[in-house]
Amino acid sequence: VLNLNLHNYNNVQKIVIVIPGEEENSYYDFLLEHCIAMSS
């Protein structure tokens, strides 16, 4: 996780995430299942 600012813990932030060795389809399915797809 990059660009994380813990001083604004309750505020929405742009966070860069890097996940090595992952398949795209399962990642997007995960986002949908957890209702966070539209944050991507």
All heavy atoms as atom14 arrays in JSON, in Angstrom:
{
  "sequence": "VLNLNLHNYNNVQKIVIVIPGEEENSYYDFLLEHCIAMSS",
  "atom14_mask": [
    [1, 1, 1, 1, 1, 1, 1, 0, 0, 0, 0, 0, 0, 0],
    [1, 1, 1, 1, 1, 1, 1, 1, 0, 0, 0, 0, 0, 0],
    [1, 1, 1, 1, 1, 1, 1, 1, 0, 0, 0, 0, 0, 0],
    [1, 1, 1, 1, 1, 1, 1, 1, 0, 0, 0, 0, 0, 0],
    [1, 1, 1, 1, 1, 1, 1, 1, 0, 0, 0, 0, 0, 0],
    [1, 1, 1, 1, 1, 1, 1, 1, 0, 0, 0, 0, 0, 0],
    [1, 1, 1, 1, 1, 1, 1, 1, 1, 1, 0, 0, 0, 0],
    [1, 1, 1, 1, 1, 1, 1, 1, 0, 0, 0, 0, 0, 0],
    [1, 1, 1, 1, 1, 1, 1, 1, 1, 1, 1, 1, 0, 0],
    [1, 1, 1, 1, 1, 1, 1, 1, 0, 0, 0, 0, 0, 0],
    [1, 1, 1, 1, 1, 1, 1, 1, 0, 0, 0, 0, 0, 0],
    [1, 1, 1, 1, 1, 1, 1, 0, 0, 0, 0, 0, 0, 0],
    [1, 1, 1, 1, 1, 1, 1, 1, 1, 0, 0, 0, 0, 0],
    [1, 1, 1, 1, 1, 1, 1, 1, 1, 0, 0, 0, 0, 0],
    [1, 1, 1, 1, 1, 1, 1, 1, 0, 0, 0, 0, 0, 0],
    [1, 1, 1, 1, 1, 1, 1, 0, 0, 0, 0, 0, 0, 0],
    [1, 1, 1, 1, 1, 1, 1, 1, 0, 0, 0, 0, 0, 0],
    [1, 1, 1, 1, 1, 1, 1, 0, 0, 0, 0, 0, 0, 0],
    [1, 1, 1, 1, 1, 1, 1, 1, 0, 0, 0, 0, 0, 0],
    [1, 1, 1, 1, 1, 1, 1, 0, 0, 0, 0, 0, 0, 0],
    [1, 1, 1, 1, 0, 0, 0, 0, 0, 0, 0, 0, 0, 0],
    [1, 1, 1, 1, 1, 1, 1, 1, 1, 0, 0, 0, 0, 0],
    [1, 1, 1, 1, 1, 1, 1, 1, 1, 0, 0, 0, 0, 0],
    [1, 1, 1, 1, 1, 1, 1, 1, 1, 0, 0, 0, 0, 0],
    [1, 1, 1, 1, 1, 1, 1, 1, 0, 0, 0, 0, 0, 0],
    [1, 1, 1, 1, 1, 1, 0, 0, 0, 0, 0, 0, 0, 0],
    [1, 1, 1, 1, 1, 1, 1, 1, 1, 1, 1, 1, 0, 0],
    [1, 1, 1, 1, 1, 1, 1, 1, 1, 1, 1, 1, 0, 0],
    [1, 1, 1, 1, 1, 1, 1, 1, 0, 0, 0, 0, 0, 0],
    [1, 1, 1, 1, 1, 1, 1, 1, 1, 1, 1, 0, 0, 0],
    [1, 1, 1, 1, 1, 1, 1, 1, 0, 0, 0, 0, 0, 0],
    [1, 1, 1, 1, 1, 1, 1, 1, 0, 0, 0, 0, 0, 0],
    [1, 1, 1, 1, 1, 1, 1, 1, 1, 0, 0, 0, 0, 0],
    [1, 1, 1, 1, 1, 1, 1, 1, 1, 1, 0, 0, 0, 0],
    [1, 1, 1, 1, 1, 1, 0, 0, 0, 0, 0, 0, 0, 0],
    [1, 1, 1, 1, 1, 1, 1, 1, 0, 0, 0, 0, 0, 0],
    [1, 1, 1, 1, 1, 0, 0, 0, 0, 0, 0, 0, 0, 0],
    [1, 1, 1, 1, 1, 1, 1, 1, 0, 0, 0, 0, 0, 0],
    [1, 1, 1, 1, 1, 1, 0, 0, 0, 0, 0, 0, 0, 0],
    [1, 1, 1, 1, 1, 1, 0, 0, 0, 0, 0, 0, 0, 0]
  ],
  "atom14_positions": [
    [[0.85, -1.19, 0.0], [0.0, 0.0, 0.0], [0.89, 1.24, 0.0], [1.76, 1.38, 0.85], [-0.93, 0.0, 1.24], [-1.78, 1.26, 1.24], [-1.81, -1.24, 1.26], [0.0, 0.0, 0.0], [0.0, 0.0, 0.0], [0.0, 0.0, 0.0], [0.0, 0.0, 0.0], [0.0, 0.0, 0.0], [0.0, 0.0, 0.0], [0.0, 0.0, 0.0]],
    [[0.65, 2.13, -0.96], [1.42, 3.36, -1.09], [0.49, 4.56, -0.89], [-0.71, 4.45, -1.07], [2.06, 3.43, -2.48], [2.92, 2.22, -2.88], [3.32, 2.33, -4.35], [4.14, 2.11, -2.01], [0.0, 0.0, 0.0], [0.0, 0.0, 0.0], [0.0, 0.0, 0.0], [0.0, 0.0, 0.0], [0.0, 0.0, 0.0], [0.0, 0.0, 0.0]],
    [[1.04, 5.68, -0.55], [0.31, 6.94, -0.37], [-0.65, 6.93, 0.81], [-1.59, 7.7, 0.83], [-0.48, 7.31, -1.64], [0.39, 7.54, -2.83], [1.61, 7.55, -2.73], [-0.22, 7.72, -3.97], [0.0, 0.0, 0.0], [0.0, 0.0, 0.0], [0.0, 0.0, 0.0], [0.0, 0.0, 0.0], [0.0, 0.0, 0.0], [0.0, 0.0, 0.0]],
    [[-0.43, 6.1, 1.77], [-1.32, 6.03, 2.92], [-0.98, 7.15, 3.89], [0.16, 7.35, 4.27], [-1.17, 4.68, 3.62], [-2.04, 4.43, 4.84], [-3.51, 4.54, 4.47], [-1.74, 3.06, 5.41], [0.0, 0.0, 0.0], [0.0, 0.0, 0.0], [0.0, 0.0, 0.0], [0.0, 0.0, 0.0], [0.0, 0.0, 0.0], [0.0, 0.0, 0.0]],
    [[-2.0, 7.89, 4.31], [-1.85, 8.97, 5.27], [-2.67, 8.62, 6.5], [-3.89, 8.76, 6.5], [-2.31, 10.29, 4.66], [-2.15, 11.45, 5.61], [-1.81, 11.28, 6.78], [-2.4, 12.64, 5.11], [0.0, 0.0, 0.0], [0.0, 0.0, 0.0], [0.0, 0.0, 0.0], [0.0, 0.0, 0.0], [0.0, 0.0, 0.0], [0.0, 0.0, 0.0]],
    [[-2.03, 8.17, 7.55], [-2.74, 7.74, 8.74], [-3.27, 8.91, 9.57], [-4.06, 8.71, 10.48], [-1.85, 6.85, 9.6], [-1.49, 5.51, 8.95], [-0.53, 4.73, 9.84], [-2.73, 4.69, 8.66], [0.0, 0.0, 0.0], [0.0, 0.0, 0.0], [0.0, 0.0, 0.0], [0.0, 0.0, 0.0], [0.0, 0.0, 0.0], [0.0, 0.0, 0.0]],
    [[-2.87, 10.13, 9.26], [-3.39, 11.29, 9.99], [-4.85, 11.55, 9.64], [-5.58, 12.14, 10.41], [-2.55, 12.54, 9.69], [-1.15, 12.41, 10.17], [-0.82, 12.36, 11.51], [0.02, 12.29, 9.5], [0.49, 12.23, 11.63], [1.02, 12.19, 10.43], [0.0, 0.0, 0.0], [0.0, 0.0, 0.0], [0.0, 0.0, 0.0], [0.0, 0.0, 0.0]],
    [[-5.26, 11.11, 8.47], [-6.65, 11.28, 8.03], [-7.31, 9.9, 7.93], [-7.86, 9.53, 6.91], [-6.7, 11.98, 6.67], [-6.18, 13.38, 6.74], [-6.45, 14.09, 7.7], [-5.41, 13.79, 5.75], [0.0, 0.0, 0.0], [0.0, 0.0, 0.0], [0.0, 0.0, 0.0], [0.0, 0.0, 0.0], [0.0, 0.0, 0.0], [0.0, 0.0, 0.0]],
    [[-7.28, 9.18, 9.01], [-7.7, 7.78, 9.03], [-9.15, 7.57, 8.63], [-9.5, 6.55, 8.09], [-7.45, 7.2, 10.44], [-7.45, 5.71, 10.49], [-6.44, 4.98, 9.87], [-8.46, 5.03, 11.15], [-6.44, 3.6, 9.92], [-8.47, 3.65, 11.2], [-7.45, 2.94, 10.58], [-7.46, 1.57, 10.62], [0.0, 0.0, 0.0], [0.0, 0.0, 0.0]],
    [[-10.02, 8.53, 8.89], [-11.44, 8.39, 8.58], [-11.86, 9.07, 7.28], [-13.04, 9.07, 6.95], [-12.29, 8.92, 9.74], [-12.18, 8.03, 10.95], [-12.26, 6.82, 10.86], [-11.97, 8.64, 12.1], [0.0, 0.0, 0.0], [0.0, 0.0, 0.0], [0.0, 0.0, 0.0], [0.0, 0.0, 0.0], [0.0, 0.0, 0.0], [0.0, 0.0, 0.0]],
    [[-10.92, 9.66, 6.57], [-11.23, 10.35, 5.32], [-10.88, 9.49, 4.12], [-9.89, 8.76, 4.13], [-10.47, 11.67, 5.23], [-10.9, 12.65, 6.31], [-12.03, 12.62, 6.78], [-9.99, 13.52, 6.7], [0.0, 0.0, 0.0], [0.0, 0.0, 0.0], [0.0, 0.0, 0.0], [0.0, 0.0, 0.0], [0.0, 0.0, 0.0], [0.0, 0.0, 0.0]],
    [[-11.68, 9.62, 3.07], [-11.4, 8.91, 1.83], [-10.11, 9.47, 1.22], [-9.92, 10.68, 1.17], [-12.57, 9.06, 0.84], [-12.22, 8.48, -0.51], [-13.82, 8.4, 1.4], [0.0, 0.0, 0.0], [0.0, 0.0, 0.0], [0.0, 0.0, 0.0], [0.0, 0.0, 0.0], [0.0, 0.0, 0.0], [0.0, 0.0, 0.0], [0.0, 0.0, 0.0]],
    [[-9.26, 8.55, 0.78], [-7.97, 8.93, 0.19], [-7.73, 8.13, -1.08], [-8.28, 7.05, -1.25], [-6.84, 8.61, 1.16], [-6.91, 9.33, 2.48], [-5.78, 8.88, 3.4], [-4.72, 8.45, 2.97], [-6.02, 8.97, 4.69], [0.0, 0.0, 0.0], [0.0, 0.0, 0.0], [0.0, 0.0, 0.0], [0.0, 0.0, 0.0], [0.0, 0.0, 0.0]],
    [[-6.88, 8.67, -1.94], [-6.41, 7.9, -3.09], [-5.23, 7.07, -2.62], [-4.21, 7.61, -2.21], [-5.97, 8.82, -4.23], [-7.08, 9.43, -4.98], [-6.53, 10.22, -6.16], [-7.63, 10.88, -6.92], [-7.12, 11.66, -8.06], [0.0, 0.0, 0.0], [0.0, 0.0, 0.0], [0.0, 0.0, 0.0], [0.0, 0.0, 0.0], [0.0, 0.0, 0.0]],
    [[-5.4, 5.77, -2.65], [-4.37, 4.86, -2.18], [-3.94, 3.97, -3.33], [-4.79, 3.38, -4.01], [-4.89, 4.01, -1.01], [-5.27, 4.91, 0.16], [-3.88, 2.96, -0.59], [-6.02, 4.22, 1.27], [0.0, 0.0, 0.0], [0.0, 0.0, 0.0], [0.0, 0.0, 0.0], [0.0, 0.0, 0.0], [0.0, 0.0, 0.0], [0.0, 0.0, 0.0]],
    [[-2.66, 3.88, -3.57], [-2.13, 2.99, -4.6], [-1.89, 1.64, -3.96], [-1.27, 1.54, -2.89], [-0.82, 3.54, -5.2], [-0.26, 2.57, -6.23], [-1.05, 4.92, -5.81], [0.0, 0.0, 0.0], [0.0, 0.0, 0.0], [0.0, 0.0, 0.0], [0.0, 0.0, 0.0], [0.0, 0.0, 0.0], [0.0, 0.0, 0.0], [0.0, 0.0, 0.0]],
    [[-2.4, 0.59, -4.61], [-2.22, -0.75, -4.09], [-1.52, -1.6, -5.14], [-1.83, -1.5, -6.33], [-3.57, -1.36, -3.66], [-3.35, -2.66, -2.94], [-4.5, -1.54, -4.83], [-4.53, -3.08, -2.1], [0.0, 0.0, 0.0], [0.0, 0.0, 0.0], [0.0, 0.0, 0.0], [0.0, 0.0, 0.0], [0.0, 0.0, 0.0], [0.0, 0.0, 0.0]],
    [[-0.56, -2.39, -4.71], [0.19, -3.29, -5.59], [0.03, -4.7, -5.04], [0.33, -4.96, -3.87], [1.69, -2.9, -5.63], [2.46, -3.84, -6.54], [1.87, -1.44, -6.06], [0.0, 0.0, 0.0], [0.0, 0.0, 0.0], [0.0, 0.0, 0.0], [0.0, 0.0, 0.0], [0.0, 0.0, 0.0], [0.0, 0.0, 0.0], [0.0, 0.0, 0.0]],
    [[-0.48, -5.59, -5.89], [-0.7, -6.98, -5.48], [0.08, -7.87, -6.44], [-0.34, -8.09, -7.59], [-2.19, -7.35, -5.5], [-3.0, -6.37, -4.65], [-2.39, -8.77, -5.02], [-4.49, -6.53, -4.77], [0.0, 0.0, 0.0], [0.0, 0.0, 0.0], [0.0, 0.0, 0.0], [0.0, 0.0, 0.0], [0.0, 0.0, 0.0], [0.0, 0.0, 0.0]],
    [[1.21, -8.4, -6.0], [2.01, -9.26, -6.88], [1.39, -10.64, -7.03], [0.77, -11.16, -6.11], [3.37, -9.34, -6.18], [3.1, -8.99, -4.76], [1.87, -8.15, -4.72], [0.0, 0.0, 0.0], [0.0, 0.0, 0.0], [0.0, 0.0, 0.0], [0.0, 0.0, 0.0], [0.0, 0.0, 0.0], [0.0, 0.0, 0.0], [0.0, 0.0, 0.0]],
    [[1.53, -11.2, -8.23], [1.12, -12.57, -8.48], [-0.38, -12.81, -8.41], [-0.81, -13.87, -7.97], [0.0, 0.0, 0.0], [0.0, 0.0, 0.0], [0.0, 0.0, 0.0], [0.0, 0.0, 0.0], [0.0, 0.0, 0.0], [0.0, 0.0, 0.0], [0.0, 0.0, 0.0], [0.0, 0.0, 0.0], [0.0, 0.0, 0.0], [0.0, 0.0, 0.0]],
    [[-1.17, -11.86, -8.86], [-2.63, -12.01, -8.78], [-3.25, -11.95, -10.17], [-2.78, -11.23, -11.05], [-3.24, -10.92, -7.89], [-4.72, -11.05, -7.69], [-5.14, -12.39, -7.12], [-4.43, -12.93, -6.24], [-6.17, -12.92, -7.56], [0.0, 0.0, 0.0], [0.0, 0.0, 0.0], [0.0, 0.0, 0.0], [0.0, 0.0, 0.0], [0.0, 0.0, 0.0]],
    [[-4.32, -12.68, -10.35], [-5.06, -12.73, -11.6], [-6.13, -11.64, -11.58], [-6.83, -11.48, -10.58], [-5.68, -14.13, -11.73], [-6.07, -14.51, -13.12], [-7.54, -14.22, -13.37], [-8.35, -14.21, -12.44], [-7.85, -13.99, -14.54], [0.0, 0.0, 0.0], [0.0, 0.0, 0.0], [0.0, 0.0, 0.0], [0.0, 0.0, 0.0], [0.0, 0.0, 0.0]],
    [[-6.25, -10.89, -12.66], [-7.17, -9.75, -12.71], [-8.62, -10.11, -12.42], [-9.3, -9.42, -11.69], [-7.1, -9.07, -14.08], [-5.99, -8.09, -14.23], [-6.12, -7.3, -15.52], [-6.81, -7.73, -16.47], [-5.51, -6.23, -15.58], [0.0, 0.0, 0.0], [0.0, 0.0, 0.0], [0.0, 0.0, 0.0], [0.0, 0.0, 0.0], [0.0, 0.0, 0.0]],
    [[-9.1, -11.18, -13.02], [-10.52, -11.53, -12.86], [-10.88, -11.78, -11.41], [-11.93, -11.35, -10.94], [-10.88, -12.73, -13.74], [-10.88, -12.37, -15.2], [-11.12, -11.24, -15.58], [-10.61, -13.36, -16.03], [0.0, 0.0, 0.0], [0.0, 0.0, 0.0], [0.0, 0.0, 0.0], [0.0, 0.0, 0.0], [0.0, 0.0, 0.0], [0.0, 0.0, 0.0]],
    [[-10.03, -12.48, -10.69], [-10.34, -12.75, -9.29], [-10.28, -11.47, -8.46], [-11.05, -11.29, -7.52], [-9.42, -13.82, -8.7], [-8.09, -13.36, -8.63], [0.0, 0.0, 0.0], [0.0, 0.0, 0.0], [0.0, 0.0, 0.0], [0.0, 0.0, 0.0], [0.0, 0.0, 0.0], [0.0, 0.0, 0.0], [0.0, 0.0, 0.0], [0.0, 0.0, 0.0]],
    [[-9.39, -10.55, -8.83], [-9.3, -9.26, -8.13], [-10.58, -8.46, -8.33], [-11.15, -7.94, -7.37], [-8.09, -8.47, -8.64], [-8.01, -7.05, -8.12], [-7.74, -6.79, -6.78], [-8.21, -5.97, -8.97], [-7.66, -5.49, -6.3], [-8.13, -4.67, -8.5], [-7.86, -4.43, -7.16], [-7.78, -3.14, -6.69], [0.0, 0.0, 0.0], [0.0, 0.0, 0.0]],
    [[-11.06, -8.37, -9.56], [-12.28, -7.6, -9.83], [-13.5, -8.27, -9.19], [-14.39, -7.58, -8.68], [-12.48, -7.39, -11.32], [-11.42, -6.49, -11.92], [-10.66, -6.89, -12.99], [-11.18, -5.23, -11.39], [-9.68, -6.07, -13.53], [-10.2, -4.4, -11.91], [-9.46, -4.83, -12.98], [-8.49, -4.01, -13.5], [0.0, 0.0, 0.0], [0.0, 0.0, 0.0]],
    [[-13.54, -9.59, -9.2], [-14.63, -10.3, -8.5], [-14.6, -9.99, -7.01], [-15.63, -9.76, -6.39], [-14.53, -11.81, -8.73], [-14.96, -12.23, -10.13], [-15.61, -11.42, -10.84], [-14.64, -13.36, -10.52], [0.0, 0.0, 0.0], [0.0, 0.0, 0.0], [0.0, 0.0, 0.0], [0.0, 0.0, 0.0], [0.0, 0.0, 0.0], [0.0, 0.0, 0.0]],
    [[-13.41, -9.96, -6.44], [-13.25, -9.63, -5.02], [-13.78, -8.22, -4.73], [-14.51, -8.0, -3.76], [-11.77, -9.73, -4.62], [-11.47, -9.16, -3.28], [-11.75, -9.87, -2.12], [-10.89, -7.9, -3.15], [-11.47, -9.33, -0.86], [-10.61, -7.36, -1.91], [-10.9, -8.07, -0.76], [0.0, 0.0, 0.0], [0.0, 0.0, 0.0], [0.0, 0.0, 0.0]],
    [[-13.44, -7.25, -5.58], [-13.92, -5.89, -5.39], [-15.44, -5.84, -5.43], [-16.07, -5.17, -4.61], [-13.34, -4.96, -6.46], [-11.83, -4.7, -6.43], [-11.43, -3.78, -7.58], [-11.39, -4.11, -5.11], [0.0, 0.0, 0.0], [0.0, 0.0, 0.0], [0.0, 0.0, 0.0], [0.0, 0.0, 0.0], [0.0, 0.0, 0.0], [0.0, 0.0, 0.0]],
    [[-16.04, -6.56, -6.38], [-17.5, -6.6, -6.47], [-18.12, -7.22, -5.22], [-19.07, -6.68, -4.66], [-17.94, -7.42, -7.69], [-18.07, -6.69, -9.0], [-18.41, -7.67, -10.11], [-19.12, -5.61, -8.93], [0.0, 0.0, 0.0], [0.0, 0.0, 0.0], [0.0, 0.0, 0.0], [0.0, 0.0, 0.0], [0.0, 0.0, 0.0], [0.0, 0.0, 0.0]],
    [[-17.59, -8.35, -4.81], [-18.14, -9.06, -3.66], [-18.1, -8.23, -2.38], [-18.92, -8.39, -1.5], [-17.39, -10.37, -3.44], [-17.66, -11.4, -4.51], [-16.72, -12.59, -4.44], [-15.9, -12.67, -3.51], [-16.8, -13.43, -5.36], [0.0, 0.0, 0.0], [0.0, 0.0, 0.0], [0.0, 0.0, 0.0], [0.0, 0.0, 0.0], [0.0, 0.0, 0.0]],
    [[-17.13, -7.33, -2.28], [-16.97, -6.52, -1.07], [-17.46, -5.08, -1.25], [-17.18, -4.21, -0.43], [-15.51, -6.56, -0.59], [-15.14, -7.88, -0.06], [-14.71, -8.91, -0.88], [-15.21, -8.4, 1.19], [-14.49, -9.98, -0.13], [-14.8, -9.69, 1.11], [0.0, 0.0, 0.0], [0.0, 0.0, 0.0], [0.0, 0.0, 0.0], [0.0, 0.0, 0.0]],
    [[-18.2, -4.86, -2.35], [-18.83, -3.56, -2.62], [-17.85, -2.4, -2.65], [-18.16, -1.28, -2.22], [-19.93, -3.29, -1.6], [-21.19, -4.56, -1.56], [0.0, 0.0, 0.0], [0.0, 0.0, 0.0], [0.0, 0.0, 0.0], [0.0, 0.0, 0.0], [0.0, 0.0, 0.0], [0.0, 0.0, 0.0], [0.0, 0.0, 0.0], [0.0, 0.0, 0.0]],
    [[-16.65, -2.66, -3.15], [-15.66, -1.58, -3.28], [-15.18, -1.42, -4.72], [-14.22, -0.71, -4.98], [-14.46, -1.76, -2.31], [-13.81, -3.13, -2.5], [-14.87, -1.53, -0.88], [-12.56, -3.32, -1.65], [0.0, 0.0, 0.0], [0.0, 0.0, 0.0], [0.0, 0.0, 0.0], [0.0, 0.0, 0.0], [0.0, 0.0, 0.0], [0.0, 0.0, 0.0]],
    [[-15.87, -2.05, -5.67], [-15.44, -1.99, -7.07], [-15.43, -0.57, -7.61], [-14.53, -0.18, -8.35], [-16.32, -2.9, -7.93], [0.0, 0.0, 0.0], [0.0, 0.0, 0.0], [0.0, 0.0, 0.0], [0.0, 0.0, 0.0], [0.0, 0.0, 0.0], [0.0, 0.0, 0.0], [0.0, 0.0, 0.0], [0.0, 0.0, 0.0], [0.0, 0.0, 0.0]],
    [[-16.42, 0.22, -7.24], [-16.51, 1.58, -7.78], [-15.47, 2.52, -7.16], [-15.34, 3.65, -7.58], [-17.92, 2.13, -7.6], [-18.96, 1.36, -8.39], [-18.57, 1.15, -10.15], [-18.75, 2.81, -10.73], [0.0, 0.0, 0.0], [0.0, 0.0, 0.0], [0.0, 0.0, 0.0], [0.0, 0.0, 0.0], [0.0, 0.0, 0.0], [0.0, 0.0, 0.0]],
    [[-14.71, 2.04, -6.21], [-13.61, 2.84, -5.66], [-12.32, 2.62, -6.43], [-11.32, 3.28, -6.18], [-13.4, 2.51, -4.18], [-12.88, 1.2, -4.05], [0.0, 0.0, 0.0], [0.0, 0.0, 0.0], [0.0, 0.0, 0.0], [0.0, 0.0, 0.0], [0.0, 0.0, 0.0], [0.0, 0.0, 0.0], [0.0, 0.0, 0.0], [0.0, 0.0, 0.0]],
    [[-12.35, 1.7, -7.38], [-11.17, 1.32, -8.15], [-11.09, 2.07, -9.47], [-12.0, 1.99, -10.3], [-11.2, -0.19, -8.43], [-10.28, -0.53, -9.44], [0.0, 0.0, 0.0], [0.0, 0.0, 0.0], [0.0, 0.0, 0.0], [0.0, 0.0, 0.0], [0.0, 0.0, 0.0], [0.0, 0.0, 0.0], [0.0, 0.0, 0.0], [0.0, 0.0, 0.0]]
  ]
}
